[in-house]
Amino acid sequence: MRSVKVDKELDIRGEVCPFTFVKSKLALEDMEVGQVLRVLVDYKPSAESVPKSLREEGQEVLEVNQIEENLWEILVRKTR
């Protein structure tokens, strides 16, 4: 069981790079510093590139978990 409180969820299954990162970044812009965004992706390259790109933007990636065969969750805390 996850101990992180999720403030907002972004389900972008069906999207591919670079749209997955762009949509994740836009969702974070509407959030307060310290809040946690849960991003759901079903495109394996996005499960790797979105966390990497968010880290490069200065955000804190808390977890990347494979939930199902083709489904990943990315938990990111807004830091700025």
PDB file of N, CA and C in Angstrom:
ATOM      1  N   MET A   1       0.843  -1.193   0.000  1.00  0.00           N
ATOM      2  CA  MET A   1       0.000   0.000   0.000  1.00  0.00           C
ATOM      3  C   MET A   1       0.880   1.246   0.000  1.00  0.00           C
ATOM      4  N   ARG A   2       0.569   2.166  -0.852  1.00  0.00           N
ATOM      5  CA  ARG A   2       1.352   3.389  -1.010  1.00  0.00           C
ATOM      6  C   ARG A   2       1.060   4.336   0.149  1.00  0.00           C
ATOM      7  N   SER A   3       2.120   4.987   0.634  1.00  0.00           N
ATOM      8  CA  SER A   3       1.932   5.927   1.743  1.00  0.00           C
ATOM      9  C   SER A   3       1.911   7.381   1.257  1.00  0.00           C
ATOM     10  N   VAL A   4       2.065   7.571  -0.047  1.00  0.00           N
ATOM     11  CA  VAL A   4       2.088   8.918  -0.617  1.00  0.00           C
ATOM     12  C   VAL A   4       0.661   9.358  -0.928  1.00  0.00           C
ATOM     13  N   LYS A   5       0.296  10.551  -0.480  1.00  0.00           N
ATOM     14  CA  LYS A   5      -1.029  11.102  -0.790  1.00  0.00           C
ATOM     15  C   LYS A   5      -0.984  11.703  -2.195  1.00  0.00           C
ATOM     16  N   VAL A   6      -1.843  11.215  -3.067  1.00  0.00           N
ATOM     17  CA  VAL A   6      -1.913  11.711  -4.440  1.00  0.00           C
ATOM     18  C   VAL A   6      -2.944  12.839  -4.493  1.00  0.00           C
ATOM     19  N   ASP A   7      -2.523  14.007  -5.010  1.00  0.00           N
ATOM     20  CA  ASP A   7      -3.409  15.163  -5.086  1.00  0.00           C
ATOM     21  C   ASP A   7      -4.157  15.245  -6.410  1.00  0.00           C
ATOM     22  N   LYS A   8      -3.557  14.704  -7.466  1.00  0.00           N
ATOM     23  CA  LYS A   8      -4.169  14.789  -8.791  1.00  0.00           C
ATOM     24  C   LYS A   8      -3.725  13.585  -9.602  1.00  0.00           C
ATOM     25  N   GLU A   9      -4.640  13.079 -10.445  1.00  0.00           N
ATOM     26  CA  GLU A   9      -4.290  11.947 -11.300  1.00  0.00           C
ATOM     27  C   GLU A   9      -4.451  12.356 -12.760  1.00  0.00           C
ATOM     28  N   LEU A  10      -3.498  11.945 -13.562  1.00  0.00           N
ATOM     29  CA  LEU A  10      -3.514  12.232 -14.995  1.00  0.00           C
ATOM     30  C   LEU A  10      -3.430  10.904 -15.743  1.00  0.00           C
ATOM     31  N   ASP A  11      -4.521  10.511 -16.378  1.00  0.00           N
ATOM     32  CA  ASP A  11      -4.575   9.257 -17.128  1.00  0.00           C
ATOM     33  C   ASP A  11      -4.340   9.580 -18.600  1.00  0.00           C
ATOM     34  N   ILE A  12      -3.140   9.278 -19.062  1.00  0.00           N
ATOM     35  CA  ILE A  12      -2.812   9.586 -20.466  1.00  0.00           C
ATOM     36  C   ILE A  12      -2.497   8.308 -21.242  1.00  0.00           C
ATOM     37  N   ARG A  13      -3.227   7.254 -20.895  1.00  0.00           N
ATOM     38  CA  ARG A  13      -3.094   6.025 -21.679  1.00  0.00           C
ATOM     39  C   ARG A  13      -3.530   6.323 -23.103  1.00  0.00           C
ATOM     40  N   GLY A  14      -2.801   5.748 -24.057  1.00  0.00           N
ATOM     41  CA  GLY A  14      -3.104   5.981 -25.460  1.00  0.00           C
ATOM     42  C   GLY A  14      -2.252   7.085 -26.067  1.00  0.00           C
ATOM     43  N   GLU A  15      -1.578   7.857 -25.221  1.00  0.00           N
ATOM     44  CA  GLU A  15      -0.694   8.931 -25.703  1.00  0.00           C
ATOM     45  C   GLU A  15       0.739   8.397 -25.832  1.00  0.00           C
ATOM     46  N   VAL A  16       1.520   9.011 -26.708  1.00  0.00           N
ATOM     47  CA  VAL A  16       2.920   8.623 -26.877  1.00  0.00           C
ATOM     48  C   VAL A  16       3.809   9.849 -26.700  1.00  0.00           C
ATOM     49  N   CYS A  17       5.109   9.600 -26.586  1.00  0.00           N
ATOM     50  CA  CYS A  17       6.087  10.684 -26.462  1.00  0.00           C
ATOM     51  C   CYS A  17       6.030  11.550 -27.718  1.00  0.00           C
ATOM     52  N   PRO A  18       6.217  12.832 -27.637  1.00  0.00           N
ATOM     53  CA  PRO A  18       6.527  13.625 -26.447  1.00  0.00           C
ATOM     54  C   PRO A  18       5.277  14.145 -25.735  1.00  0.00           C
ATOM     55  N   PHE A  19       4.086  13.754 -26.209  1.00  0.00           N
ATOM     56  CA  PHE A  19       2.846  14.286 -25.633  1.00  0.00           C
ATOM     57  C   PHE A  19       2.673  13.885 -24.172  1.00  0.00           C
ATOM     58  N   THR A  20       3.171  12.698 -23.803  1.00  0.00           N
ATOM     59  CA  THR A  20       3.037  12.255 -22.413  1.00  0.00           C
ATOM     60  C   THR A  20       3.777  13.199 -21.478  1.00  0.00           C
ATOM     61  N   PHE A  21       4.968  13.627 -21.867  1.00  0.00           N
ATOM     62  CA  PHE A  21       5.730  14.560 -21.033  1.00  0.00           C
ATOM     63  C   PHE A  21       5.064  15.930 -21.012  1.00  0.00           C
ATOM     64  N   VAL A  22       4.654  16.410 -22.176  1.00  0.00           N
ATOM     65  CA  VAL A  22       4.040  17.733 -22.272  1.00  0.00           C
ATOM     66  C   VAL A  22       2.782  17.800 -21.402  1.00  0.00           C
ATOM     67  N   LYS A  23       1.938  16.790 -21.483  1.00  0.00           N
ATOM     68  CA  LYS A  23       0.707  16.782 -20.690  1.00  0.00           C
ATOM     69  C   LYS A  23       1.019  16.677 -19.194  1.00  0.00           C
ATOM     70  N   SER A  24       2.046  15.913 -18.840  1.00  0.00           N
ATOM     71  CA  SER A  24       2.452  15.801 -17.427  1.00  0.00           C
ATOM     72  C   SER A  24       2.949  17.144 -16.912  1.00  0.00           C
ATOM     73  N   LYS A  25       3.746  17.809 -17.719  1.00  0.00           N
ATOM     74  CA  LYS A  25       4.291  19.116 -17.333  1.00  0.00           C
ATOM     75  C   LYS A  25       3.172  20.144 -17.165  1.00  0.00           C
ATOM     76  N   LEU A  26       2.219  20.145 -18.090  1.00  0.00           N
ATOM     77  CA  LEU A  26       1.090  21.077 -18.000  1.00  0.00           C
ATOM     78  C   LEU A  26       0.241  20.806 -16.765  1.00  0.00           C
ATOM     79  N   ALA A  27       0.034  19.535 -16.427  1.00  0.00           N
ATOM     80  CA  ALA A  27      -0.750  19.190 -15.233  1.00  0.00           C
ATOM     81  C   ALA A  27      -0.054  19.708 -13.979  1.00  0.00           C
ATOM     82  N   LEU A  28       1.264  19.600 -13.936  1.00  0.00           N
ATOM     83  CA  LEU A  28       2.020  20.080 -12.775  1.00  0.00           C
ATOM     84  C   LEU A  28       1.934  21.597 -12.642  1.00  0.00           C
ATOM     85  N   GLU A  29       1.845  22.303 -13.754  1.00  0.00           N
ATOM     86  CA  GLU A  29       1.772  23.770 -13.710  1.00  0.00           C
ATOM     87  C   GLU A  29       0.542  24.253 -12.963  1.00  0.00           C
ATOM     88  N   ASP A  30      -0.536  23.467 -12.968  1.00  0.00           N
ATOM     89  CA  ASP A  30      -1.776  23.845 -12.297  1.00  0.00           C
ATOM     90  C   ASP A  30      -1.800  23.437 -10.825  1.00  0.00           C
ATOM     91  N   MET A  31      -0.716  22.826 -10.356  1.00  0.00           N
ATOM     92  CA  MET A  31      -0.678  22.315  -8.985  1.00  0.00           C
ATOM     93  C   MET A  31       0.192  23.195  -8.088  1.00  0.00           C
ATOM     94  N   GLU A  32       0.018  23.026  -6.777  1.00  0.00           N
ATOM     95  CA  GLU A  32       0.810  23.767  -5.799  1.00  0.00           C
ATOM     96  C   GLU A  32       2.105  23.014  -5.508  1.00  0.00           C
ATOM     97  N   VAL A  33       3.151  23.747  -5.142  1.00  0.00           N
ATOM     98  CA  VAL A  33       4.410  23.124  -4.742  1.00  0.00           C
ATOM     99  C   VAL A  33       4.137  22.167  -3.582  1.00  0.00           C
ATOM    100  N   GLY A  34       4.690  20.961  -3.676  1.00  0.00           N
ATOM    101  CA  GLY A  34       4.502  19.953  -2.635  1.00  0.00           C
ATOM    102  C   GLY A  34       3.417  18.941  -2.951  1.00  0.00           C
ATOM    103  N   GLN A  35       2.542  19.275  -3.902  1.00  0.00           N
ATOM    104  CA  GLN A  35       1.483  18.334  -4.266  1.00  0.00           C
ATOM    105  C   GLN A  35       2.049  17.207  -5.135  1.00  0.00           C
ATOM    106  N   VAL A  36       1.353  16.067  -5.127  1.00  0.00           N
ATOM    107  CA  VAL A  36       1.805  14.887  -5.857  1.00  0.00           C
ATOM    108  C   VAL A  36       0.845  14.584  -7.008  1.00  0.00           C
ATOM    109  N   LEU A  37       1.433  14.367  -8.176  1.00  0.00           N
ATOM    110  CA  LEU A  37       0.702  13.999  -9.387  1.00  0.00           C
ATOM    111  C   LEU A  37       0.966  12.530  -9.693  1.00  0.00           C
ATOM    112  N   ARG A  38      -0.108  11.792  -9.960  1.00  0.00           N
ATOM    113  CA  ARG A  38       0.017  10.396 -10.393  1.00  0.00           C
ATOM    114  C   ARG A  38      -0.294  10.370 -11.878  1.00  0.00           C
ATOM    115  N   VAL A  39       0.676   9.934 -12.671  1.00  0.00           N
ATOM    116  CA  VAL A  39       0.519   9.866 -14.123  1.00  0.00           C
ATOM    117  C   VAL A  39       0.425   8.398 -14.526  1.00  0.00           C
ATOM    118  N   LEU A  40      -0.595   8.055 -15.308  1.00  0.00           N
ATOM    119  CA  LEU A  40      -0.752   6.697 -15.822  1.00  0.00           C
ATOM    120  C   LEU A  40      -0.423   6.689 -17.305  1.00  0.00           C
ATOM    121  N   VAL A  41       0.502   5.809 -17.693  1.00  0.00           N
ATOM    122  CA  VAL A  41       0.888   5.677 -19.108  1.00  0.00           C
ATOM    123  C   VAL A  41       0.859   4.201 -19.491  1.00  0.00           C
ATOM    124  N   ASP A  42       0.587   3.957 -20.760  1.00  0.00           N
ATOM    125  CA  ASP A  42       0.584   2.574 -21.257  1.00  0.00           C
ATOM    126  C   ASP A  42       1.579   2.384 -22.398  1.00  0.00           C
ATOM    127  N   TYR A  43       2.510   3.302 -22.495  1.00  0.00           N
ATOM    128  CA  TYR A  43       3.522   3.286 -23.550  1.00  0.00           C
ATOM    129  C   TYR A  43       4.878   3.201 -22.848  1.00  0.00           C
ATOM    130  N   LYS A  44       5.543   2.035 -22.962  1.00  0.00           N
ATOM    131  CA  LYS A  44       6.760   1.779 -22.193  1.00  0.00           C
ATOM    132  C   LYS A  44       7.817   2.880 -22.323  1.00  0.00           C
ATOM    133  N   PRO A  45       8.102   3.396 -23.518  1.00  0.00           N
ATOM    134  CA  PRO A  45       9.088   4.479 -23.587  1.00  0.00           C
ATOM    135  C   PRO A  45       8.708   5.691 -22.723  1.00  0.00           C
ATOM    136  N   SER A  46       7.410   5.949 -22.579  1.00  0.00           N
ATOM    137  CA  SER A  46       6.966   7.065 -21.730  1.00  0.00           C
ATOM    138  C   SER A  46       7.256   6.789 -20.260  1.00  0.00           C
ATOM    139  N   ALA A  47       7.173   5.532 -19.852  1.00  0.00           N
ATOM    140  CA  ALA A  47       7.446   5.170 -18.462  1.00  0.00           C
ATOM    141  C   ALA A  47       8.908   5.448 -18.110  1.00  0.00           C
ATOM    142  N   GLU A  48       9.758   5.542 -19.134  1.00  0.00           N
ATOM    143  CA  GLU A  48      11.172   5.845 -18.919  1.00  0.00           C
ATOM    144  C   GLU A  48      11.475   7.320 -19.181  1.00  0.00           C
ATOM    145  N   SER A  49      10.901   7.876 -20.239  1.00  0.00           N
ATOM    146  CA  SER A  49      11.256   9.243 -20.626  1.00  0.00           C
ATOM    147  C   SER A  49      10.552  10.314 -19.790  1.00  0.00           C
ATOM    148  N   VAL A  50       9.312  10.069 -19.387  1.00  0.00           N
ATOM    149  CA  VAL A  50       8.591  11.076 -18.598  1.00  0.00           C
ATOM    150  C   VAL A  50       9.292  11.336 -17.264  1.00  0.00           C
ATOM    151  N   PRO A  51       9.630  10.291 -16.480  1.00  0.00           N
ATOM    152  CA  PRO A  51      10.345  10.568 -15.226  1.00  0.00           C
ATOM    153  C   PRO A  51      11.685  11.269 -15.453  1.00  0.00           C
ATOM    154  N   LYS A  52      12.405  10.847 -16.487  1.00  0.00           N
ATOM    155  CA  LYS A  52      13.703  11.462 -16.788  1.00  0.00           C
ATOM    156  C   LYS A  52      13.530  12.946 -17.110  1.00  0.00           C
ATOM    157  N   SER A  53      12.561  13.260 -17.957  1.00  0.00           N
ATOM    158  CA  SER A  53      12.329  14.648 -18.348  1.00  0.00           C
ATOM    159  C   SER A  53      11.830  15.488 -17.182  1.00  0.00           C
ATOM    160  N   LEU A  54      10.969  14.920 -16.339  1.00  0.00           N
ATOM    161  CA  LEU A  54      10.469  15.663 -15.180  1.00  0.00           C
ATOM    162  C   LEU A  54      11.597  15.960 -14.196  1.00  0.00           C
ATOM    163  N   ARG A  55      12.495  14.993 -14.009  1.00  0.00           N
ATOM    164  CA  ARG A  55      13.665  15.230 -13.145  1.00  0.00           C
ATOM    165  C   ARG A  55      14.511  16.374 -13.708  1.00  0.00           C
ATOM    166  N   GLU A  56      14.705  16.364 -15.025  1.00  0.00           N
ATOM    167  CA  GLU A  56      15.484  17.427 -15.671  1.00  0.00           C
ATOM    168  C   GLU A  56      14.836  18.784 -15.485  1.00  0.00           C
ATOM    169  N   GLU A  57      13.508  18.809 -15.321  1.00  0.00           N
ATOM    170  CA  GLU A  57      12.767  20.046 -15.081  1.00  0.00           C
ATOM    171  C   GLU A  57      12.843  20.466 -13.613  1.00  0.00           C
ATOM    172  N   GLY A  58      13.457  19.619 -12.778  1.00  0.00           N
ATOM    173  CA  GLY A  58      13.608  19.940 -11.372  1.00  0.00           C
ATOM    174  C   GLY A  58      12.516  19.387 -10.471  1.00  0.00           C
ATOM    175  N   GLN A  59      11.657  18.512 -11.022  1.00  0.00           N
ATOM    176  CA  GLN A  59      10.601  17.915 -10.207  1.00  0.00           C
ATOM    177  C   GLN A  59      11.131  16.668  -9.494  1.00  0.00           C
ATOM    178  N   GLU A  60      10.466  16.262  -8.426  1.00  0.00           N
ATOM    179  CA  GLU A  60      10.892  15.099  -7.643  1.00  0.00           C
ATOM    180  C   GLU A  60      10.055  13.890  -8.036  1.00  0.00           C
ATOM    181  N   VAL A  61      10.678  12.940  -8.726  1.00  0.00           N
ATOM    182  CA  VAL A  61       9.988  11.708  -9.097  1.00  0.00           C
ATOM    183  C   VAL A  61      10.088  10.757  -7.911  1.00  0.00           C
ATOM    184  N   LEU A  62       8.937  10.417  -7.339  1.00  0.00           N
ATOM    185  CA  LEU A  62       8.903   9.585  -6.138  1.00  0.00           C
ATOM    186  C   LEU A  62       8.969   8.106  -6.462  1.00  0.00           C
ATOM    187  N   GLU A  63       8.187   7.692  -7.446  1.00  0.00           N
ATOM    188  CA  GLU A  63       8.118   6.270  -7.805  1.00  0.00           C
ATOM    189  C   GLU A  63       7.717   6.119  -9.267  1.00  0.00           C
ATOM    190  N   VAL A  64       8.177   5.016  -9.850  1.00  0.00           N
ATOM    191  CA  VAL A  64       7.674   4.562 -11.150  1.00  0.00           C
ATOM    192  C   VAL A  64       7.362   3.085 -10.953  1.00  0.00           C
ATOM    193  N   ASN A  65       6.102   2.722 -11.078  1.00  0.00           N
ATOM    194  CA  ASN A  65       5.672   1.351 -10.822  1.00  0.00           C
ATOM    195  C   ASN A  65       4.945   0.777 -12.025  1.00  0.00           C
ATOM    196  N   GLN A  66       5.285  -0.463 -12.357  1.00  0.00           N
ATOM    197  CA  GLN A  66       4.519  -1.171 -13.383  1.00  0.00           C
ATOM    198  C   GLN A  66       3.337  -1.816 -12.675  1.00  0.00           C
ATOM    199  N   ILE A  67       2.125  -1.424 -13.060  1.00  0.00           N
ATOM    200  CA  ILE A  67       0.897  -1.890 -12.395  1.00  0.00           C
ATOM    201  C   ILE A  67       0.356  -3.138 -13.089  1.00  0.00           C
ATOM    202  N   GLU A  68       0.387  -3.105 -14.406  1.00  0.00           N
ATOM    203  CA  GLU A  68      -0.079  -4.229 -15.221  1.00  0.00           C
ATOM    204  C   GLU A  68       0.943  -4.446 -16.324  1.00  0.00           C
ATOM    205  N   GLU A  69       0.670  -5.403 -17.209  1.00  0.00           N
ATOM    206  CA  GLU A  69       1.627  -5.712 -18.272  1.00  0.00           C
ATOM    207  C   GLU A  69       2.000  -4.474 -19.089  1.00  0.00           C
ATOM    208  N   ASN A  70       1.016  -3.664 -19.450  1.00  0.00           N
ATOM    209  CA  ASN A  70       1.276  -2.459 -20.242  1.00  0.00           C
ATOM    210  C   ASN A  70       0.711  -1.221 -19.564  1.00  0.00           C
ATOM    211  N   LEU A  71       0.956  -1.087 -18.257  1.00  0.00           N
ATOM    212  CA  LEU A  71       0.471   0.078 -17.524  1.00  0.00           C
ATOM    213  C   LEU A  71       1.452   0.440 -16.416  1.00  0.00           C
ATOM    214  N   TRP A  72       1.869   1.703 -16.428  1.00  0.00           N
ATOM    215  CA  TRP A  72       2.804   2.210 -15.419  1.00  0.00           C
ATOM    216  C   TRP A  72       2.211   3.431 -14.748  1.00  0.00           C
ATOM    217  N   GLU A  73       2.585   3.614 -13.470  1.00  0.00           N
ATOM    218  CA  GLU A  73       2.238   4.847 -12.766  1.00  0.00           C
ATOM    219  C   GLU A  73       3.533   5.568 -12.435  1.00  0.00           C
ATOM    220  N   ILE A  74       3.495   6.867 -12.584  1.00  0.00           N
ATOM    221  CA  ILE A  74       4.615   7.734 -12.239  1.00  0.00           C
ATOM    222  C   ILE A  74       4.112   8.698 -11.174  1.00  0.00           C
ATOM    223  N   LEU A  75       4.750   8.685 -10.019  1.00  0.00           N
ATOM    224  CA  LEU A  75       4.375   9.602  -8.933  1.00  0.00           C
ATOM    225  C   LEU A  75       5.424  10.679  -8.854  1.00  0.00           C
ATOM    226  N   VAL A  76       4.979  11.925  -9.003  1.00  0.00           N
ATOM    227  CA  VAL A  76       5.915  13.049  -9.013  1.00  0.00           C
ATOM    228  C   VAL A  76       5.412  14.162  -8.093  1.00  0.00           C
ATOM    229  N   ARG A  77       6.322  14.680  -7.280  1.00  0.00           N
ATOM    230  CA  ARG A  77       5.989  15.794  -6.379  1.00  0.00           C
ATOM    231  C   ARG A  77       6.482  17.094  -7.012  1.00  0.00           C
ATOM    232  N   LYS A  78       5.596  18.062  -7.082  1.00  0.00           N
ATOM    233  CA  LYS A  78       5.966  19.365  -7.637  1.00  0.00           C
ATOM    234  C   LYS A  78       6.897  20.073  -6.666  1.00  0.00           C
ATOM    235  N   THR A  79       8.046  20.486  -7.178  1.00  0.00           N
ATOM    236  CA  THR A  79       9.038  21.136  -6.326  1.00  0.00           C
ATOM    237  C   THR A  79       9.189  22.617  -6.640  1.00  0.00           C
ATOM    238  N   ARG A  80       8.670  23.036  -7.807  1.00  0.00           N
ATOM    239  CA  ARG A  80       8.781  24.454  -8.155  1.00  0.00           C
ATOM    240  C   ARG A  80       7.722  24.838  -9.157  1.00  0.00           C
TER     241      ARG A  80
END
